[in-house]
Amino acid sequence: MIDLIDWATAFGVVCFGLGLACAAWRLLRGPTLTDRVLALDTMYINGMLTVLALGLRLGTDLYFDIALLMSVLGFASSAAMAKFLLRGEVIEP
């Protein structure tokens, strides 16, 4: 059973790494600003999932705390970027 979990988490890390590479390509190549923002969203989600898979593989709780922090910061930055794209400023006077 342990071998199956190790194999599955290694496969997950590779797949999430490929997802990160595709999102980085879209970030660099995206024709519009919204494409780039969506690529950043995808990158932070894939990064968070990679950290979770590594936490399962290594069996330490620290990775789960890091993934929680990544998700909170990623959500806040996505909301701020969406507001900036909508209105042109993040903090309103």
PDB file of N, CA and C in Angstrom:
ATOM      1  N   MET A   1       0.819  -1.196   0.000  1.00  0.00           N
ATOM      2  CA  MET A   1       0.000   0.000   0.000  1.00  0.00           C
ATOM      3  C   MET A   1       0.861   1.257   0.000  1.00  0.00           C
ATOM      4  N   ILE A   2       1.963   1.221   0.722  1.00  0.00           N
ATOM      5  CA  ILE A   2       2.853   2.381   0.777  1.00  0.00           C
ATOM      6  C   ILE A   2       3.469   2.639  -0.597  1.00  0.00           C
ATOM      7  N   ASP A   3       3.813   1.582  -1.315  1.00  0.00           N
ATOM      8  CA  ASP A   3       4.387   1.762  -2.648  1.00  0.00           C
ATOM      9  C   ASP A   3       3.395   2.428  -3.593  1.00  0.00           C
ATOM     10  N   LEU A   4       2.124   2.095  -3.467  1.00  0.00           N
ATOM     11  CA  LEU A   4       1.097   2.706  -4.310  1.00  0.00           C
ATOM     12  C   LEU A   4       0.965   4.198  -4.022  1.00  0.00           C
ATOM     13  N   ILE A   5       1.008   4.578  -2.755  1.00  0.00           N
ATOM     14  CA  ILE A   5       0.911   5.993  -2.390  1.00  0.00           C
ATOM     15  C   ILE A   5       2.138   6.747  -2.885  1.00  0.00           C
ATOM     16  N   ASP A   6       3.310   6.155  -2.744  1.00  0.00           N
ATOM     17  CA  ASP A   6       4.522   6.809  -3.244  1.00  0.00           C
ATOM     18  C   ASP A   6       4.467   6.994  -4.754  1.00  0.00           C
ATOM     19  N   TRP A   7       4.024   5.967  -5.462  1.00  0.00           N
ATOM     20  CA  TRP A   7       3.929   6.067  -6.914  1.00  0.00           C
ATOM     21  C   TRP A   7       2.894   7.104  -7.333  1.00  0.00           C
ATOM     22  N   ALA A   8       1.742   7.109  -6.660  1.00  0.00           N
ATOM     23  CA  ALA A   8       0.674   8.039  -7.017  1.00  0.00           C
ATOM     24  C   ALA A   8       1.067   9.486  -6.737  1.00  0.00           C
ATOM     25  N   THR A   9       1.739   9.727  -5.624  1.00  0.00           N
ATOM     26  CA  THR A   9       2.150  11.102  -5.334  1.00  0.00           C
ATOM     27  C   THR A   9       3.248  11.563  -6.287  1.00  0.00           C
ATOM     28  N   ALA A  10       4.139  10.667  -6.675  1.00  0.00           N
ATOM     29  CA  ALA A  10       5.166  11.038  -7.654  1.00  0.00           C
ATOM     30  C   ALA A  10       4.519  11.362  -9.001  1.00  0.00           C
ATOM     31  N   PHE A  11       3.548  10.572  -9.397  1.00  0.00           N
ATOM     32  CA  PHE A  11       2.819  10.839 -10.640  1.00  0.00           C
ATOM     33  C   PHE A  11       2.077  12.169 -10.555  1.00  0.00           C
ATOM     34  N   GLY A  12       1.478  12.453  -9.401  1.00  0.00           N
ATOM     35  CA  GLY A  12       0.768  13.716  -9.209  1.00  0.00           C
ATOM     36  C   GLY A  12       1.698  14.910  -9.293  1.00  0.00           C
ATOM     37  N   VAL A  13       2.876  14.799  -8.693  1.00  0.00           N
ATOM     38  CA  VAL A  13       3.847  15.902  -8.739  1.00  0.00           C
ATOM     39  C   VAL A  13       4.286  16.158 -10.173  1.00  0.00           C
ATOM     40  N   VAL A  14       4.489  15.101 -10.945  1.00  0.00           N
ATOM     41  CA  VAL A  14       4.880  15.267 -12.352  1.00  0.00           C
ATOM     42  C   VAL A  14       3.751  15.928 -13.144  1.00  0.00           C
ATOM     43  N   CYS A  15       2.523  15.494 -12.931  1.00  0.00           N
ATOM     44  CA  CYS A  15       1.381  16.082 -13.650  1.00  0.00           C
ATOM     45  C   CYS A  15       1.178  17.543 -13.266  1.00  0.00           C
ATOM     46  N   PHE A  16       1.300  17.861 -11.983  1.00  0.00           N
ATOM     47  CA  PHE A  16       1.166  19.252 -11.564  1.00  0.00           C
ATOM     48  C   PHE A  16       2.314  20.096 -12.100  1.00  0.00           C
ATOM     49  N   GLY A  17       3.492  19.515 -12.219  1.00  0.00           N
ATOM     50  CA  GLY A  17       4.620  20.231 -12.818  1.00  0.00           C
ATOM     51  C   GLY A  17       4.363  20.537 -14.288  1.00  0.00           C
ATOM     52  N   LEU A  18       3.768  19.582 -14.999  1.00  0.00           N
ATOM     53  CA  LEU A  18       3.398  19.847 -16.390  1.00  0.00           C
ATOM     54  C   LEU A  18       2.338  20.944 -16.493  1.00  0.00           C
ATOM     55  N   GLY A  19       1.405  20.936 -15.552  1.00  0.00           N
ATOM     56  CA  GLY A  19       0.402  21.993 -15.514  1.00  0.00           C
ATOM     57  C   GLY A  19       1.025  23.353 -15.238  1.00  0.00           C
ATOM     58  N   LEU A  20       2.025  23.379 -14.360  1.00  0.00           N
ATOM     59  CA  LEU A  20       2.742  24.626 -14.093  1.00  0.00           C
ATOM     60  C   LEU A  20       3.474  25.112 -15.335  1.00  0.00           C
ATOM     61  N   ALA A  21       4.066  24.190 -16.072  1.00  0.00           N
ATOM     62  CA  ALA A  21       4.783  24.573 -17.295  1.00  0.00           C
ATOM     63  C   ALA A  21       3.821  25.130 -18.346  1.00  0.00           C
ATOM     64  N   CYS A  22       2.666  24.510 -18.504  1.00  0.00           N
ATOM     65  CA  CYS A  22       1.676  25.018 -19.465  1.00  0.00           C
ATOM     66  C   CYS A  22       1.155  26.394 -19.055  1.00  0.00           C
ATOM     67  N   ALA A  23       0.930  26.588 -17.754  1.00  0.00           N
ATOM     68  CA  ALA A  23       0.455  27.891 -17.287  1.00  0.00           C
ATOM     69  C   ALA A  23       1.538  28.952 -17.442  1.00  0.00           C
ATOM     70  N   ALA A  24       2.798  28.577 -17.226  1.00  0.00           N
ATOM     71  CA  ALA A  24       3.889  29.534 -17.429  1.00  0.00           C
ATOM     72  C   ALA A  24       3.991  29.927 -18.895  1.00  0.00           C
ATOM     73  N   TRP A  25       3.762  28.979 -19.785  1.00  0.00           N
ATOM     74  CA  TRP A  25       3.765  29.301 -21.219  1.00  0.00           C
ATOM     75  C   TRP A  25       2.650  30.287 -21.544  1.00  0.00           C
ATOM     76  N   ARG A  26       1.463  30.078 -20.960  1.00  0.00           N
ATOM     77  CA  ARG A  26       0.344  30.991 -21.198  1.00  0.00           C
ATOM     78  C   ARG A  26       0.624  32.358 -20.566  1.00  0.00           C
ATOM     79  N   LEU A  27       1.321  32.367 -19.442  1.00  0.00           N
ATOM     80  CA  LEU A  27       1.675  33.630 -18.803  1.00  0.00           C
ATOM     81  C   LEU A  27       2.604  34.446 -19.690  1.00  0.00           C
ATOM     82  N   LEU A  28       3.545  33.802 -20.318  1.00  0.00           N
ATOM     83  CA  LEU A  28       4.489  34.508 -21.174  1.00  0.00           C
ATOM     84  C   LEU A  28       3.894  34.829 -22.540  1.00  0.00           C
ATOM     85  N   ARG A  29       3.035  33.985 -23.040  1.00  0.00           N
ATOM     86  CA  ARG A  29       2.547  34.074 -24.404  1.00  0.00           C
ATOM     87  C   ARG A  29       1.152  34.680 -24.521  1.00  0.00           C
ATOM     88  N   GLY A  30       0.419  34.776 -23.390  1.00  0.00           N
ATOM     89  CA  GLY A  30      -0.971  35.203 -23.425  1.00  0.00           C
ATOM     90  C   GLY A  30      -1.199  36.516 -24.143  1.00  0.00           C
ATOM     91  N   PRO A  31      -2.161  36.556 -25.048  1.00  0.00           N
ATOM     92  CA  PRO A  31      -2.360  37.782 -25.818  1.00  0.00           C
ATOM     93  C   PRO A  31      -2.980  38.919 -24.994  1.00  0.00           C
ATOM     94  N   THR A  32      -3.781  38.602 -23.991  1.00  0.00           N
ATOM     95  CA  THR A  32      -4.420  39.664 -23.218  1.00  0.00           C
ATOM     96  C   THR A  32      -4.011  39.565 -21.753  1.00  0.00           C
ATOM     97  N   LEU A  33      -4.315  40.629 -21.021  1.00  0.00           N
ATOM     98  CA  LEU A  33      -3.984  40.672 -19.602  1.00  0.00           C
ATOM     99  C   LEU A  33      -4.800  39.665 -18.804  1.00  0.00           C
ATOM    100  N   THR A  34      -6.045  39.427 -19.213  1.00  0.00           N
ATOM    101  CA  THR A  34      -6.869  38.450 -18.491  1.00  0.00           C
ATOM    102  C   THR A  34      -6.331  37.034 -18.656  1.00  0.00           C
ATOM    103  N   ASP A  35      -5.759  36.722 -19.815  1.00  0.00           N
ATOM    104  CA  ASP A  35      -5.123  35.412 -19.989  1.00  0.00           C
ATOM    105  C   ASP A  35      -3.962  35.248 -19.018  1.00  0.00           C
ATOM    106  N   ARG A  36      -3.200  36.297 -18.834  1.00  0.00           N
ATOM    107  CA  ARG A  36      -2.058  36.243 -17.919  1.00  0.00           C
ATOM    108  C   ARG A  36      -2.506  36.107 -16.466  1.00  0.00           C
ATOM    109  N   VAL A  37      -3.596  36.770 -16.114  1.00  0.00           N
ATOM    110  CA  VAL A  37      -4.118  36.653 -14.749  1.00  0.00           C
ATOM    111  C   VAL A  37      -4.633  35.242 -14.497  1.00  0.00           C
ATOM    112  N   LEU A  38      -5.326  34.671 -15.459  1.00  0.00           N
ATOM    113  CA  LEU A  38      -5.800  33.287 -15.312  1.00  0.00           C
ATOM    114  C   LEU A  38      -4.644  32.305 -15.245  1.00  0.00           C
ATOM    115  N   ALA A  39      -3.568  32.590 -15.969  1.00  0.00           N
ATOM    116  CA  ALA A  39      -2.382  31.732 -15.892  1.00  0.00           C
ATOM    117  C   ALA A  39      -1.762  31.800 -14.506  1.00  0.00           C
ATOM    118  N   LEU A  40      -1.710  32.993 -13.918  1.00  0.00           N
ATOM    119  CA  LEU A  40      -1.195  33.106 -12.546  1.00  0.00           C
ATOM    120  C   LEU A  40      -2.074  32.360 -11.561  1.00  0.00           C
ATOM    121  N   ASP A  41      -3.400  32.431 -11.743  1.00  0.00           N
ATOM    122  CA  ASP A  41      -4.326  31.670 -10.905  1.00  0.00           C
ATOM    123  C   ASP A  41      -4.044  30.175 -11.008  1.00  0.00           C
ATOM    124  N   THR A  42      -3.897  29.711 -12.220  1.00  0.00           N
ATOM    125  CA  THR A  42      -3.616  28.293 -12.438  1.00  0.00           C
ATOM    126  C   THR A  42      -2.281  27.893 -11.840  1.00  0.00           C
ATOM    127  N   MET A  43      -1.303  28.785 -11.931  1.00  0.00           N
ATOM    128  CA  MET A  43       0.021  28.469 -11.385  1.00  0.00           C
ATOM    129  C   MET A  43      -0.013  28.351  -9.869  1.00  0.00           C
ATOM    130  N   TYR A  44      -0.731  29.250  -9.193  1.00  0.00           N
ATOM    131  CA  TYR A  44      -0.742  29.122  -7.738  1.00  0.00           C
ATOM    132  C   TYR A  44      -1.543  27.903  -7.297  1.00  0.00           C
ATOM    133  N   ILE A  45      -2.588  27.529  -8.028  1.00  0.00           N
ATOM    134  CA  ILE A  45      -3.340  26.330  -7.667  1.00  0.00           C
ATOM    135  C   ILE A  45      -2.493  25.079  -7.899  1.00  0.00           C
ATOM    136  N   ASN A  46      -1.803  25.012  -9.027  1.00  0.00           N
ATOM    137  CA  ASN A  46      -0.943  23.852  -9.278  1.00  0.00           C
ATOM    138  C   ASN A  46       0.221  23.804  -8.302  1.00  0.00           C
ATOM    139  N   GLY A  47       0.766  24.945  -7.941  1.00  0.00           N
ATOM    140  CA  GLY A  47       1.831  24.972  -6.933  1.00  0.00           C
ATOM    141  C   GLY A  47       1.337  24.485  -5.586  1.00  0.00           C
ATOM    142  N   MET A  48       0.137  24.907  -5.199  1.00  0.00           N
ATOM    143  CA  MET A  48      -0.436  24.457  -3.936  1.00  0.00           C
ATOM    144  C   MET A  48      -0.684  22.950  -3.946  1.00  0.00           C
ATOM    145  N   LEU A  49      -1.187  22.431  -5.056  1.00  0.00           N
ATOM    146  CA  LEU A  49      -1.428  20.992  -5.151  1.00  0.00           C
ATOM    147  C   LEU A  49      -0.119  20.202  -5.161  1.00  0.00           C
ATOM    148  N   THR A  50       0.924  20.776  -5.739  1.00  0.00           N
ATOM    149  CA  THR A  50       2.232  20.125  -5.698  1.00  0.00           C
ATOM    150  C   THR A  50       2.741  20.038  -4.272  1.00  0.00           C
ATOM    151  N   VAL A  51       2.580  21.116  -3.519  1.00  0.00           N
ATOM    152  CA  VAL A  51       3.005  21.111  -2.116  1.00  0.00           C
ATOM    153  C   VAL A  51       2.193  20.095  -1.317  1.00  0.00           C
ATOM    154  N   LEU A  52       0.895  19.987  -1.592  1.00  0.00           N
ATOM    155  CA  LEU A  52       0.080  18.985  -0.899  1.00  0.00           C
ATOM    156  C   LEU A  52       0.523  17.564  -1.233  1.00  0.00           C
ATOM    157  N   ALA A  53       0.836  17.317  -2.497  1.00  0.00           N
ATOM    158  CA  ALA A  53       1.303  15.978  -2.879  1.00  0.00           C
ATOM    159  C   ALA A  53       2.641  15.665  -2.222  1.00  0.00           C
ATOM    160  N   LEU A  54       3.512  16.654  -2.137  1.00  0.00           N
ATOM    161  CA  LEU A  54       4.793  16.432  -1.443  1.00  0.00           C
ATOM    162  C   LEU A  54       4.571  16.199   0.047  1.00  0.00           C
ATOM    163  N   GLY A  55       3.588  16.873   0.633  1.00  0.00           N
ATOM    164  CA  GLY A  55       3.265  16.637   2.039  1.00  0.00           C
ATOM    165  C   GLY A  55       2.771  15.225   2.277  1.00  0.00           C
ATOM    166  N   LEU A  56       1.971  14.700   1.346  1.00  0.00           N
ATOM    167  CA  LEU A  56       1.531  13.308   1.467  1.00  0.00           C
ATOM    168  C   LEU A  56       2.696  12.348   1.301  1.00  0.00           C
ATOM    169  N   ARG A  57       3.564  12.658   0.360  1.00  0.00           N
ATOM    170  CA  ARG A  57       4.687  11.761   0.075  1.00  0.00           C
ATOM    171  C   ARG A  57       5.689  11.711   1.227  1.00  0.00           C
ATOM    172  N   LEU A  58       5.992  12.886   1.806  1.00  0.00           N
ATOM    173  CA  LEU A  58       6.994  12.939   2.864  1.00  0.00           C
ATOM    174  C   LEU A  58       6.408  12.734   4.252  1.00  0.00           C
ATOM    175  N   GLY A  59       5.095  12.884   4.379  1.00  0.00           N
ATOM    176  CA  GLY A  59       4.435  12.609   5.646  1.00  0.00           C
ATOM    177  C   GLY A  59       4.672  13.659   6.716  1.00  0.00           C
ATOM    178  N   THR A  60       4.899  14.904   6.340  1.00  0.00           N
ATOM    179  CA  THR A  60       5.081  15.963   7.329  1.00  0.00           C
ATOM    180  C   THR A  60       3.913  16.941   7.262  1.00  0.00           C
ATOM    181  N   ASP A  61       3.559  17.506   8.412  1.00  0.00           N
ATOM    182  CA  ASP A  61       2.420  18.419   8.486  1.00  0.00           C
ATOM    183  C   ASP A  61       2.762  19.827   8.026  1.00  0.00           C
ATOM    184  N   LEU A  62       4.019  20.161   7.953  1.00  0.00           N
ATOM    185  CA  LEU A  62       4.429  21.508   7.578  1.00  0.00           C
ATOM    186  C   LEU A  62       3.958  21.871   6.171  1.00  0.00           C
ATOM    187  N   TYR A  63       3.969  20.922   5.270  1.00  0.00           N
ATOM    188  CA  TYR A  63       3.558  21.182   3.892  1.00  0.00           C
ATOM    189  C   TYR A  63       2.078  21.546   3.795  1.00  0.00           C
ATOM    190  N   PHE A  64       1.263  21.003   4.676  1.00  0.00           N
ATOM    191  CA  PHE A  64      -0.158  21.324   4.654  1.00  0.00           C
ATOM    192  C   PHE A  64      -0.402  22.756   5.118  1.00  0.00           C
ATOM    193  N   ASP A  65       0.375  23.211   6.101  1.00  0.00           N
ATOM    194  CA  ASP A  65       0.277  24.608   6.531  1.00  0.00           C
ATOM    195  C   ASP A  65       0.738  25.558   5.432  1.00  0.00           C
ATOM    196  N   ILE A  66       1.782  25.181   4.733  1.00  0.00           N
ATOM    197  CA  ILE A  66       2.277  25.999   3.623  1.00  0.00           C
ATOM    198  C   ILE A  66       1.232  26.068   2.519  1.00  0.00           C
ATOM    199  N   ALA A  67       0.581  24.956   2.215  1.00  0.00           N
ATOM    200  CA  ALA A  67      -0.459  24.937   1.173  1.00  0.00           C
ATOM    201  C   ALA A  67      -1.644  25.799   1.578  1.00  0.00           C
ATOM    202  N   LEU A  68      -2.007  25.797   2.850  1.00  0.00           N
ATOM    203  CA  LEU A  68      -3.095  26.646   3.320  1.00  0.00           C
ATOM    204  C   LEU A  68      -2.740  28.122   3.155  1.00  0.00           C
ATOM    205  N   LEU A  69      -1.521  28.484   3.498  1.00  0.00           N
ATOM    206  CA  LEU A  69      -1.062  29.858   3.330  1.00  0.00           C
ATOM    207  C   LEU A  69      -1.031  30.254   1.851  1.00  0.00           C
ATOM    208  N   MET A  70      -0.588  29.340   1.007  1.00  0.00           N
ATOM    209  CA  MET A  70      -0.581  29.616  -0.435  1.00  0.00           C
ATOM    210  C   MET A  70      -1.988  29.845  -0.965  1.00  0.00           C
ATOM    211  N   SER A  71      -2.952  29.076  -0.498  1.00  0.00           N
ATOM    212  CA  SER A  71      -4.319  29.236  -1.001  1.00  0.00           C
ATOM    213  C   SER A  71      -4.926  30.557  -0.549  1.00  0.00           C
ATOM    214  N   VAL A  72      -4.671  30.970   0.685  1.00  0.00           N
ATOM    215  CA  VAL A  72      -5.214  32.239   1.173  1.00  0.00           C
ATOM    216  C   VAL A  72      -4.592  33.407   0.429  1.00  0.00           C
ATOM    217  N   LEU A  73      -3.279  33.407   0.274  1.00  0.00           N
ATOM    218  CA  LEU A  73      -2.611  34.491  -0.435  1.00  0.00           C
ATOM    219  C   LEU A  73      -2.975  34.510  -1.923  1.00  0.00           C
ATOM    220  N   GLY A  74      -3.137  33.341  -2.506  1.00  0.00           N
ATOM    221  CA  GLY A  74      -3.532  33.265  -3.908  1.00  0.00           C
ATOM    222  C   GLY A  74      -4.928  33.809  -4.137  1.00  0.00           C
ATOM    223  N   PHE A  75      -5.847  33.496  -3.226  1.00  0.00           N
ATOM    224  CA  PHE A  75      -7.206  34.021  -3.366  1.00  0.00           C
ATOM    225  C   PHE A  75      -7.218  35.541  -3.218  1.00  0.00           C
ATOM    226  N   ALA A  76      -6.491  36.054  -2.232  1.00  0.00           N
ATOM    227  CA  ALA A  76      -6.456  37.505  -2.024  1.00  0.00           C
ATOM    228  C   ALA A  76      -5.843  38.215  -3.227  1.00  0.00           C
ATOM    229  N   SER A  77      -4.784  37.654  -3.772  1.00  0.00           N
ATOM    230  CA  SER A  77      -4.154  38.298  -4.928  1.00  0.00           C
ATOM    231  C   SER A  77      -5.045  38.206  -6.172  1.00  0.00           C
ATOM    232  N   SER A  78      -5.781  37.123  -6.327  1.00  0.00           N
ATOM    233  CA  SER A  78      -6.708  37.005  -7.457  1.00  0.00           C
ATOM    234  C   SER A  78      -7.841  38.019  -7.347  1.00  0.00           C
ATOM    235  N   ALA A  79      -8.356  38.198  -6.143  1.00  0.00           N
ATOM    236  CA  ALA A  79      -9.421  39.179  -5.950  1.00  0.00           C
ATOM    237  C   ALA A  79      -8.907  40.592  -6.206  1.00  0.00           C
ATOM    238  N   ALA A  80      -7.706  40.898  -5.751  1.00  0.00           N
ATOM    239  CA  ALA A  80      -7.132  42.223  -5.981  1.00  0.00           C
ATOM    240  C   ALA A  80      -6.867  42.462  -7.466  1.00  0.00           C
ATOM    241  N   MET A  81      -6.378  41.463  -8.150  1.00  0.00           N
ATOM    242  CA  MET A  81      -6.105  41.624  -9.576  1.00  0.00           C
ATOM    243  C   MET A  81      -7.403  41.774 -10.367  1.00  0.00           C
ATOM    244  N   ALA A  82      -8.444  41.058  -9.994  1.00  0.00           N
ATOM    245  CA  ALA A  82      -9.730  41.192 -10.674  1.00  0.00           C
ATOM    246  C   ALA A  82     -10.310  42.589 -10.466  1.00  0.00           C
ATOM    247  N   LYS A  83     -10.172  43.114  -9.251  1.00  0.00           N
ATOM    248  CA  LYS A  83     -10.653  44.466  -8.992  1.00  0.00           C
ATOM    249  C   LYS A  83      -9.839  45.497  -9.772  1.00  0.00           C
ATOM    250  N   PHE A  84      -8.551  45.270  -9.885  1.00  0.00           N
ATOM    251  CA  PHE A  84      -7.707  46.175 -10.658  1.00  0.00           C
ATOM    252  C   PHE A  84      -8.092  46.154 -12.130  1.00  0.00           C
ATOM    253  N   LEU A  85      -8.349  44.984 -12.682  1.00  0.00           N
ATOM    254  CA  LEU A  85      -8.737  44.896 -14.085  1.00  0.00           C
ATOM    255  C   LEU A  85     -10.113  45.509 -14.324  1.00  0.00           C
ATOM    256  N   LEU A  86     -10.989  45.424 -13.327  1.00  0.00           N
ATOM    257  CA  LEU A  86     -12.341  45.937 -13.485  1.00  0.00           C
ATOM    258  C   LEU A  86     -12.397  47.459 -13.378  1.00  0.00           C
ATOM    259  N   ARG A  87     -11.683  48.020 -12.391  1.00  0.00           N
ATOM    260  CA  ARG A  87     -11.814  49.448 -12.104  1.00  0.00           C
ATOM    261  C   ARG A  87     -10.549  50.257 -12.339  1.00  0.00           C
ATOM    262  N   GLY A  88      -9.419  49.627 -12.482  1.00  0.00           N
ATOM    263  CA  GLY A  88      -8.186  50.353 -12.719  1.00  0.00           C
ATOM    264  C   GLY A  88      -7.422  50.707 -11.461  1.00  0.00           C
ATOM    265  N   GLU A  89      -7.980  50.419 -10.285  1.00  0.00           N
ATOM    266  CA  GLU A  89      -7.275  50.663  -9.033  1.00  0.00           C
ATOM    267  C   GLU A  89      -7.739  49.625  -8.009  1.00  0.00           C
ATOM    268  N   VAL A  90      -6.853  49.308  -7.081  1.00  0.00           N
ATOM    269  CA  VAL A  90      -7.187  48.293  -6.081  1.00  0.00           C
ATOM    270  C   VAL A  90      -7.809  48.940  -4.862  1.00  0.00           C
ATOM    271  N   ILE A  91      -7.202  50.025  -4.393  1.00  0.00           N
ATOM    272  CA  ILE A  91      -7.708  50.727  -3.201  1.00  0.00           C
ATOM    273  C   ILE A  91      -8.434  51.984  -3.669  1.00  0.00           C
ATOM    274  N   GLU A  92      -9.692  52.045  -3.338  1.00  0.00           N
ATOM    275  CA  GLU A  92     -10.494  53.188  -3.743  1.00  0.00           C
ATOM    276  C   GLU A  92     -10.364  54.312  -2.725  1.00  0.00           C
ATOM    277  N   PRO A  93     -10.343  55.556  -3.180  1.00  0.00           N
ATOM    278  CA  PRO A  93     -10.242  56.673  -2.233  1.00  0.00           C
ATOM    279  C   PRO A  93     -11.538  56.925  -1.482  1.00  0.00           C
TER     280      PRO A  93
END
